[in-house]
Structures are given as C-alpha cells and as structure tokens.
Amino acid sequence: MSVQTGGIKPIDMAARRRVAAKRNRRLSHLGLWALCLVPAGVLLYDGFTGGLGVNPIETITDRTGWWALFSLAASLAVTPLRRLFGWQWLVRYRRQLGLTTFIYASLHLATYAFLDLGLDLSHLGEDIIERPFITVGVTSWLLLLALAITSTNGWIRRLGKRWTTLHKLVYVVAGLVMLHFFWSQKADGVEQFVFLGVFIVLLGARVVYTVRKRRAAAAKARA
C-alpha cells in the first residue's frame, strides 16, 4: 500500500521533481545562450549606432577573435573546475561553451573573408598559402568545425571511445589560436600573455591529472 502525502502519491512527487529539474535545466541553458550572445548583440548595436570607431572591420575582427578565445578558455576550464571543486553541474554547459567558441570564430573568419576581402576567393587562397597566421587561423577554424559537427549526442554514440580522442583536438586548437593571436598582432600586448598563461595552466592541470591517474593505476596494479 502506497503512503500518500497531502493527497499526492510519492511517484507523482518524484515525477514532478523530474519535470521541474528538466525545466530548470532548459532555462539555465537558455540563460547561458543569452549571456554568450550578449557580445554579438553589443557588436550589432555598435554597428548600427556608429560605435565601431574609425576602422569598423578591425574592431569587429578584434572583438570576435577575443570572444572566441574567451569562450575557448571557458570551455577548457570546465573539467579542471569540476575535478578541483566537485562542480559536476558544469559539465552540462561545456558543449554550449564550445559551440559559442565556434560561433565567434566563424564570425571572426567571416569578417575577414566577407568584409575585409569582399569574398575574393583567389585572394583568400593566396593569404592562406602565403601568410602563416592566416594559415594557422583557418586550420584552427576547420578543427573547430569538426568538433562542432561531432558535438551532438548522435555523433557521440556513433564514434564511441573515438569521440573522446577526437575532441582532445581542442588542445591543438588552443595552441593554434594562440599562435594565430601572437602572429596577427602588430605589437606584443598584455592580452596575448594573459590568454597564453590561462591556456598553459589549463593544459598543465590536465597533464597533472593524467600523470597522477596513471601512477595510481600502476600502483594499484602492483599491489
């Protein structure tokens, strides 16, 4: 015989909690999307109100590139923060942060290809071949494209364990975008070294965790 509380069966209460939790997760994802797209909205607003300065194309290029880097750093920070503080809930937002990185990287590339070059494909091809920082930038975007396409649950099921191996390419992307960042700047600035330091710490955290995990496994095997 089931015990009722206030006329509501326990199974109904559990179902309601699941529905409420699912609704809250959806709202949190929508909130994160809204937050992630604020910089794009500000950029659009500045474009219509003349707030992009004397060189609008350069401003758009700089802003979209900066937010692509920031989003990439945020997505890479999820796993270290989860391991360090036990914040398991962060994992559900990692995909969104990764897709945000791809969105701003695509806007960054589109600004160069459409606004700067006027979609002159021959000029674009020459730049990719002859200008190393363009070569590195386009390569990192292609890798991000592959990661974005395979970020769905369907691809996770299809690739199985290979999915994890594939998505480790995000660390290669981090290295390439930092190289692109340094090469594309006319003068060394503080921001490049701040981002470089952040990526080194994040990669170092992963290396330390991997080494400790292997040592623990080896010690367990010898015991």
C-alpha atoms as a PDB file:
ATOM      1  CA  MET A   1       0.000   0.000   0.000  1.00  0.00           C
ATOM      2  CA  SER A   2       1.479   3.369  -1.008  1.00  0.00           C
ATOM      3  CA  VAL A   3       1.764   6.172   1.507  1.00  0.00           C
ATOM      4  CA  GLN A   4       0.257   9.453   0.414  1.00  0.00           C
ATOM      5  CA  THR A   5       1.417  12.923   1.426  1.00  0.00           C
ATOM      6  CA  GLY A   6      -1.172  15.645   1.126  1.00  0.00           C
ATOM      7  CA  GLY A   7      -3.111  13.553  -1.374  1.00  0.00           C
ATOM      8  CA  ILE A   8      -0.122  13.266  -3.747  1.00  0.00           C
ATOM      9  CA  LYS A   9       1.464   9.880  -4.282  1.00  0.00           C
ATOM     10  CA  PRO A  10       5.257   9.643  -3.874  1.00  0.00           C
ATOM     11  CA  ILE A  11       5.591   8.570  -7.513  1.00  0.00           C
ATOM     12  CA  ASP A  12       3.747  11.744  -8.569  1.00  0.00           C
ATOM     13  CA  MET A  13       6.019  13.890  -6.423  1.00  0.00           C
ATOM     14  CA  ALA A  14       9.106  12.271  -7.966  1.00  0.00           C
ATOM     15  CA  ALA A  15       7.717  12.856 -11.454  1.00  0.00           C
ATOM     16  CA  ARG A  16       7.037  16.491 -10.644  1.00  0.00           C
ATOM     17  CA  ARG A  17      10.574  16.941  -9.335  1.00  0.00           C
ATOM     18  CA  ARG A  18      11.985  15.456 -12.542  1.00  0.00           C
ATOM     19  CA  VAL A  19       9.823  17.752 -14.661  1.00  0.00           C
ATOM     20  CA  ALA A  20      10.868  20.776 -12.585  1.00  0.00           C
ATOM     21  CA  ALA A  21      14.560  19.810 -12.815  1.00  0.00           C
ATOM     22  CA  LYS A  22      14.280  19.390 -16.593  1.00  0.00           C
ATOM     23  CA  ARG A  23      12.561  22.773 -16.904  1.00  0.00           C
ATOM     24  CA  ASN A  24      15.244  24.435 -14.786  1.00  0.00           C
ATOM     25  CA  ARG A  25      17.999  22.894 -16.912  1.00  0.00           C
ATOM     26  CA  ARG A  26      16.364  24.219 -20.060  1.00  0.00           C
ATOM     27  CA  LEU A  27      16.035  27.671 -18.554  1.00  0.00           C
ATOM     28  CA  SER A  28      19.677  27.630 -17.457  1.00  0.00           C
ATOM     29  CA  HIS A  29      20.755  26.678 -20.979  1.00  0.00           C
ATOM     30  CA  LEU A  30      18.649  29.477 -22.444  1.00  0.00           C
ATOM     31  CA  GLY A  31      20.148  31.870 -19.918  1.00  0.00           C
ATOM     32  CA  LEU A  32      23.657  30.806 -20.858  1.00  0.00           C
ATOM     33  CA  TRP A  33      22.908  31.238 -24.566  1.00  0.00           C
ATOM     34  CA  ALA A  34      21.576  34.721 -23.875  1.00  0.00           C
ATOM     35  CA  LEU A  35      24.715  35.565 -21.900  1.00  0.00           C
ATOM     36  CA  CYS A  36      27.035  34.125 -24.561  1.00  0.00           C
ATOM     37  CA  LEU A  37      25.346  36.112 -27.327  1.00  0.00           C
ATOM     38  CA  VAL A  38      25.438  39.452 -25.479  1.00  0.00           C
ATOM     39  CA  PRO A  39      28.809  40.411 -27.077  1.00  0.00           C
ATOM     40  CA  ALA A  40      27.368  39.727 -30.538  1.00  0.00           C
ATOM     41  CA  GLY A  41      24.349  41.864 -29.678  1.00  0.00           C
ATOM     42  CA  VAL A  42      26.557  44.702 -28.451  1.00  0.00           C
ATOM     43  CA  LEU A  43      28.602  44.434 -31.643  1.00  0.00           C
ATOM     44  CA  LEU A  44      25.440  44.633 -33.733  1.00  0.00           C
ATOM     45  CA  TYR A  45      24.195  47.606 -31.735  1.00  0.00           C
ATOM     46  CA  ASP A  46      27.510  49.421 -32.126  1.00  0.00           C
ATOM     47  CA  GLY A  47      27.401  48.704 -35.842  1.00  0.00           C
ATOM     48  CA  PHE A  48      24.054  50.461 -36.212  1.00  0.00           C
ATOM     49  CA  THR A  49      24.913  53.357 -33.910  1.00  0.00           C
ATOM     50  CA  GLY A  50      28.405  54.129 -35.184  1.00  0.00           C
ATOM     51  CA  GLY A  51      30.175  52.754 -32.151  1.00  0.00           C
ATOM     52  CA  LEU A  52      32.787  50.702 -34.009  1.00  0.00           C
ATOM     53  CA  GLY A  53      35.316  53.509 -34.353  1.00  0.00           C
ATOM     54  CA  VAL A  54      37.224  54.724 -37.383  1.00  0.00           C
ATOM     55  CA  ASN A  55      38.063  51.187 -38.522  1.00  0.00           C
ATOM     56  CA  PRO A  56      34.893  49.103 -38.088  1.00  0.00           C
ATOM     57  CA  ILE A  57      36.287  45.975 -39.762  1.00  0.00           C
ATOM     58  CA  GLU A  58      39.296  45.894 -37.464  1.00  0.00           C
ATOM     59  CA  THR A  59      37.057  46.427 -34.428  1.00  0.00           C
ATOM     60  CA  ILE A  60      34.748  43.566 -35.432  1.00  0.00           C
ATOM     61  CA  THR A  61      37.726  41.325 -36.131  1.00  0.00           C
ATOM     62  CA  ASP A  62      39.313  42.079 -32.761  1.00  0.00           C
ATOM     63  CA  ARG A  63      36.123  41.661 -30.742  1.00  0.00           C
ATOM     64  CA  THR A  64      35.010  38.400 -32.350  1.00  0.00           C
ATOM     65  CA  GLY A  65      38.519  36.970 -32.024  1.00  0.00           C
ATOM     66  CA  TRP A  66      38.700  37.962 -28.354  1.00  0.00           C
ATOM     67  CA  TRP A  67      35.378  36.363 -27.512  1.00  0.00           C
ATOM     68  CA  ALA A  68      36.315  33.216 -29.407  1.00  0.00           C
ATOM     69  CA  LEU A  69      39.428  32.962 -27.229  1.00  0.00           C
ATOM     70  CA  PHE A  70      37.492  33.710 -24.046  1.00  0.00           C
ATOM     71  CA  SER A  71      34.843  31.096 -24.853  1.00  0.00           C
ATOM     72  CA  LEU A  72      37.520  28.522 -25.643  1.00  0.00           C
ATOM     73  CA  ALA A  73      39.233  29.190 -22.322  1.00  0.00           C
ATOM     74  CA  ALA A  74      35.885  28.910 -20.510  1.00  0.00           C
ATOM     75  CA  SER A  75      35.106  25.566 -22.141  1.00  0.00           C
ATOM     76  CA  LEU A  76      38.556  24.198 -21.288  1.00  0.00           C
ATOM     77  CA  ALA A  77      38.149  25.355 -17.682  1.00  0.00           C
ATOM     78  CA  VAL A  78      35.084  23.166 -17.106  1.00  0.00           C
ATOM     79  CA  THR A  79      36.924  19.903 -16.461  1.00  0.00           C
ATOM     80  CA  PRO A  80      39.630  21.331 -14.120  1.00  0.00           C
ATOM     81  CA  LEU A  81      36.989  23.189 -12.092  1.00  0.00           C
ATOM     82  CA  ARG A  82      34.842  20.072 -11.897  1.00  0.00           C
ATOM     83  CA  ARG A  83      37.744  17.988 -10.659  1.00  0.00           C
ATOM     84  CA  LEU A  84      39.037  20.619  -8.251  1.00  0.00           C
ATOM     85  CA  PHE A  85      35.767  21.714  -6.640  1.00  0.00           C
ATOM     86  CA  GLY A  86      33.457  18.809  -7.478  1.00  0.00           C
ATOM     87  CA  TRP A  87      31.175  21.032  -9.580  1.00  0.00           C
ATOM     88  CA  GLN A  88      29.663  18.228 -11.651  1.00  0.00           C
ATOM     89  CA  TRP A  89      26.892  20.517 -12.891  1.00  0.00           C
ATOM     90  CA  LEU A  90      29.378  22.456 -15.022  1.00  0.00           C
ATOM     91  CA  VAL A  91      29.700  19.555 -17.461  1.00  0.00           C
ATOM     92  CA  ARG A  92      26.250  20.131 -18.932  1.00  0.00           C
ATOM     93  CA  TYR A  93      27.328  23.573 -20.143  1.00  0.00           C
ATOM     94  CA  ARG A  94      30.623  22.582 -21.762  1.00  0.00           C
ATOM     95  CA  ARG A  95      29.036  21.848 -25.141  1.00  0.00           C
ATOM     96  CA  GLN A  96      27.392  25.275 -25.231  1.00  0.00           C
ATOM     97  CA  LEU A  97      30.665  26.994 -24.454  1.00  0.00           C
ATOM     98  CA  GLY A  98      32.365  25.017 -27.198  1.00  0.00           C
ATOM     99  CA  LEU A  99      29.662  25.960 -29.699  1.00  0.00           C
ATOM    100  CA  THR A 100      29.968  29.580 -28.594  1.00  0.00           C
ATOM    101  CA  THR A 101      33.671  29.370 -29.402  1.00  0.00           C
ATOM    102  CA  PHE A 102      32.807  28.108 -32.875  1.00  0.00           C
ATOM    103  CA  ILE A 103      30.209  30.859 -33.401  1.00  0.00           C
ATOM    104  CA  TYR A 104      32.630  33.682 -32.581  1.00  0.00           C
ATOM    105  CA  ALA A 105      35.465  32.028 -34.509  1.00  0.00           C
ATOM    106  CA  SER A 106      33.130  31.795 -37.524  1.00  0.00           C
ATOM    107  CA  LEU A 107      32.176  35.462 -37.171  1.00  0.00           C
ATOM    108  CA  HIS A 108      35.890  36.278 -36.909  1.00  0.00           C
ATOM    109  CA  LEU A 109      36.664  34.393 -40.122  1.00  0.00           C
ATOM    110  CA  ALA A 110      33.576  35.740 -41.895  1.00  0.00           C
ATOM    111  CA  THR A 111      34.591  39.311 -41.061  1.00  0.00           C
ATOM    112  CA  TYR A 112      37.936  38.739 -42.739  1.00  0.00           C
ATOM    113  CA  ALA A 113      36.568  36.844 -45.747  1.00  0.00           C
ATOM    114  CA  PHE A 114      33.457  38.947 -46.448  1.00  0.00           C
ATOM    115  CA  LEU A 115      34.094  42.423 -45.081  1.00  0.00           C
ATOM    116  CA  ASP A 116      37.865  42.676 -45.497  1.00  0.00           C
ATOM    117  CA  LEU A 117      38.378  40.708 -48.718  1.00  0.00           C
ATOM    118  CA  GLY A 118      34.904  41.048 -50.206  1.00  0.00           C
ATOM    119  CA  LEU A 119      34.786  37.258 -50.602  1.00  0.00           C
ATOM    120  CA  ASP A 120      37.620  37.352 -53.132  1.00  0.00           C
ATOM    121  CA  LEU A 121      38.354  33.619 -53.116  1.00  0.00           C
ATOM    122  CA  SER A 122      41.589  33.922 -55.074  1.00  0.00           C
ATOM    123  CA  HIS A 123      42.901  36.495 -52.589  1.00  0.00           C
ATOM    124  CA  LEU A 124      41.729  34.331 -49.703  1.00  0.00           C
ATOM    125  CA  GLY A 125      43.520  31.311 -51.137  1.00  0.00           C
ATOM    126  CA  GLU A 126      46.720  33.306 -51.567  1.00  0.00           C
ATOM    127  CA  ASP A 127      46.544  34.552 -47.970  1.00  0.00           C
ATOM    128  CA  ILE A 128      46.009  31.038 -46.637  1.00  0.00           C
ATOM    129  CA  ILE A 129      49.077  29.812 -48.509  1.00  0.00           C
ATOM    130  CA  GLU A 130      51.400  32.795 -48.124  1.00  0.00           C
ATOM    131  CA  ARG A 131      50.517  34.289 -44.720  1.00  0.00           C
ATOM    132  CA  PRO A 132      51.277  31.876 -41.849  1.00  0.00           C
ATOM    133  CA  PHE A 133      48.939  33.481 -39.294  1.00  0.00           C
ATOM    134  CA  ILE A 134      46.045  33.112 -41.773  1.00  0.00           C
ATOM    135  CA  THR A 135      47.028  29.501 -42.431  1.00  0.00           C
ATOM    136  CA  VAL A 136      47.035  28.732 -38.708  1.00  0.00           C
ATOM    137  CA  GLY A 137      43.776  30.599 -38.143  1.00  0.00           C
ATOM    138  CA  VAL A 138      41.895  28.787 -40.903  1.00  0.00           C
ATOM    139  CA  THR A 139      43.305  25.444 -39.747  1.00  0.00           C
ATOM    140  CA  SER A 140      42.065  26.065 -36.204  1.00  0.00           C
ATOM    141  CA  TRP A 141      38.629  27.016 -37.567  1.00  0.00           C
ATOM    142  CA  LEU A 142      38.437  23.786 -39.588  1.00  0.00           C
ATOM    143  CA  LEU A 143      39.240  21.794 -36.448  1.00  0.00           C
ATOM    144  CA  LEU A 144      36.570  23.720 -34.541  1.00  0.00           C
ATOM    145  CA  LEU A 145      34.131  22.931 -37.353  1.00  0.00           C
ATOM    146  CA  ALA A 146      34.839  19.218 -36.971  1.00  0.00           C
ATOM    147  CA  LEU A 147      34.372  19.451 -33.202  1.00  0.00           C
ATOM    148  CA  ALA A 148      31.127  21.407 -33.563  1.00  0.00           C
ATOM    149  CA  ILE A 149      29.660  18.946 -36.057  1.00  0.00           C
ATOM    150  CA  THR A 150      30.509  15.953 -33.855  1.00  0.00           C
ATOM    151  CA  SER A 151      29.300  17.542 -30.618  1.00  0.00           C
ATOM    152  CA  THR A 152      25.792  16.075 -30.890  1.00  0.00           C
ATOM    153  CA  ASN A 153      24.580  13.045 -28.944  1.00  0.00           C
ATOM    154  CA  GLY A 154      24.205  11.153 -32.209  1.00  0.00           C
ATOM    155  CA  TRP A 155      27.876  11.576 -33.067  1.00  0.00           C
ATOM    156  CA  ILE A 156      28.886  10.674 -29.524  1.00  0.00           C
ATOM    157  CA  ARG A 157      27.045   7.341 -29.937  1.00  0.00           C
ATOM    158  CA  ARG A 158      28.462   6.716 -33.420  1.00  0.00           C
ATOM    159  CA  LEU A 159      32.082   7.413 -32.509  1.00  0.00           C
ATOM    160  CA  GLY A 160      32.069   5.794 -29.057  1.00  0.00           C
ATOM    161  CA  LYS A 161      35.508   5.972 -27.439  1.00  0.00           C
ATOM    162  CA  ARG A 162      36.897   7.637 -30.553  1.00  0.00           C
ATOM    163  CA  TRP A 163      34.775  10.705 -29.752  1.00  0.00           C
ATOM    164  CA  THR A 164      36.871  11.450 -26.660  1.00  0.00           C
ATOM    165  CA  THR A 165      40.079  11.080 -28.677  1.00  0.00           C
ATOM    166  CA  LEU A 166      38.750  13.351 -31.412  1.00  0.00           C
ATOM    167  CA  HIS A 167      37.700  16.079 -29.006  1.00  0.00           C
ATOM    168  CA  LYS A 168      41.124  16.190 -27.424  1.00  0.00           C
ATOM    169  CA  LEU A 169      41.975  18.158 -30.560  1.00  0.00           C
ATOM    170  CA  VAL A 170      40.583  21.146 -28.672  1.00  0.00           C
ATOM    171  CA  TYR A 171      44.021  21.455 -27.047  1.00  0.00           C
ATOM    172  CA  VAL A 172      45.604  21.565 -30.504  1.00  0.00           C
ATOM    173  CA  VAL A 173      43.107  24.297 -31.360  1.00  0.00           C
ATOM    174  CA  ALA A 174      44.145  26.235 -28.259  1.00  0.00           C
ATOM    175  CA  GLY A 175      47.776  26.122 -29.350  1.00  0.00           C
ATOM    176  CA  LEU A 176      46.958  27.151 -32.913  1.00  0.00           C
ATOM    177  CA  VAL A 177      44.734  30.075 -31.937  1.00  0.00           C
ATOM    178  CA  MET A 178      47.370  31.399 -29.563  1.00  0.00           C
ATOM    179  CA  LEU A 179      49.932  31.212 -32.365  1.00  0.00           C
ATOM    180  CA  HIS A 180      47.455  32.994 -34.625  1.00  0.00           C
ATOM    181  CA  PHE A 181      46.866  35.625 -31.937  1.00  0.00           C
ATOM    182  CA  PHE A 182      50.546  36.386 -31.463  1.00  0.00           C
ATOM    183  CA  TRP A 183      51.319  36.460 -35.192  1.00  0.00           C
ATOM    184  CA  SER A 184      48.342  38.649 -36.065  1.00  0.00           C
ATOM    185  CA  GLN A 185      49.202  41.415 -33.566  1.00  0.00           C
ATOM    186  CA  LYS A 186      51.324  44.311 -34.740  1.00  0.00           C
ATOM    187  CA  ALA A 187      52.793  44.726 -31.262  1.00  0.00           C
ATOM    188  CA  ASP A 188      53.070  42.487 -28.222  1.00  0.00           C
ATOM    189  CA  GLY A 189      50.379  43.266 -25.688  1.00  0.00           C
ATOM    190  CA  VAL A 190      49.299  42.094 -22.260  1.00  0.00           C
ATOM    191  CA  GLU A 191      46.237  40.201 -23.526  1.00  0.00           C
ATOM    192  CA  GLN A 192      48.266  37.692 -25.540  1.00  0.00           C
ATOM    193  CA  PHE A 193      50.301  36.710 -22.496  1.00  0.00           C
ATOM    194  CA  VAL A 194      47.237  36.578 -20.238  1.00  0.00           C
ATOM    195  CA  PHE A 195      45.495  34.145 -22.568  1.00  0.00           C
ATOM    196  CA  LEU A 196      48.711  32.193 -23.027  1.00  0.00           C
ATOM    197  CA  GLY A 197      49.077  31.877 -19.265  1.00  0.00           C
ATOM    198  CA  VAL A 198      45.461  30.719 -18.900  1.00  0.00           C
ATOM    199  CA  PHE A 199      45.841  28.039 -21.563  1.00  0.00           C
ATOM    200  CA  ILE A 200      49.135  26.832 -20.083  1.00  0.00           C
ATOM    201  CA  VAL A 201      47.506  26.471 -16.647  1.00  0.00           C
ATOM    202  CA  LEU A 202      44.501  24.621 -18.092  1.00  0.00           C
ATOM    203  CA  LEU A 203      46.648  22.270 -20.147  1.00  0.00           C
ATOM    204  CA  GLY A 204      49.007  21.788 -17.210  1.00  0.00           C
ATOM    205  CA  ALA A 205      46.081  20.828 -14.973  1.00  0.00           C
ATOM    206  CA  ARG A 206      45.077  18.143 -17.448  1.00  0.00           C
ATOM    207  CA  VAL A 207      48.637  16.817 -17.709  1.00  0.00           C
ATOM    208  CA  VAL A 208      48.998  16.653 -13.923  1.00  0.00           C
ATOM    209  CA  TYR A 209      45.676  14.822 -13.574  1.00  0.00           C
ATOM    210  CA  THR A 210      46.607  12.318 -16.303  1.00  0.00           C
ATOM    211  CA  VAL A 211      50.013  11.607 -14.761  1.00  0.00           C
ATOM    212  CA  ARG A 212      48.528  11.115 -11.291  1.00  0.00           C
ATOM    213  CA  LYS A 213      45.816   8.843 -12.668  1.00  0.00           C
ATOM    214  CA  ARG A 214      48.349   6.655 -14.474  1.00  0.00           C
ATOM    215  CA  ARG A 215      50.566   6.445 -11.410  1.00  0.00           C
ATOM    216  CA  ALA A 216      47.597   5.467  -9.248  1.00  0.00           C
ATOM    217  CA  ALA A 217      46.596   2.794 -11.765  1.00  0.00           C
ATOM    218  CA  ALA A 218      50.160   1.451 -11.900  1.00  0.00           C
ATOM    219  CA  ALA A 219      50.380   1.352  -8.088  1.00  0.00           C
ATOM    220  CA  LYS A 220      47.055  -0.462  -7.905  1.00  0.00           C
ATOM    221  CA  ALA A 221      48.235  -2.995 -10.485  1.00  0.00           C
ATOM    222  CA  ARG A 222      51.406  -3.711  -8.479  1.00  0.00           C
ATOM    223  CA  ALA A 223      49.501  -4.105  -5.210  1.00  0.00           C
END
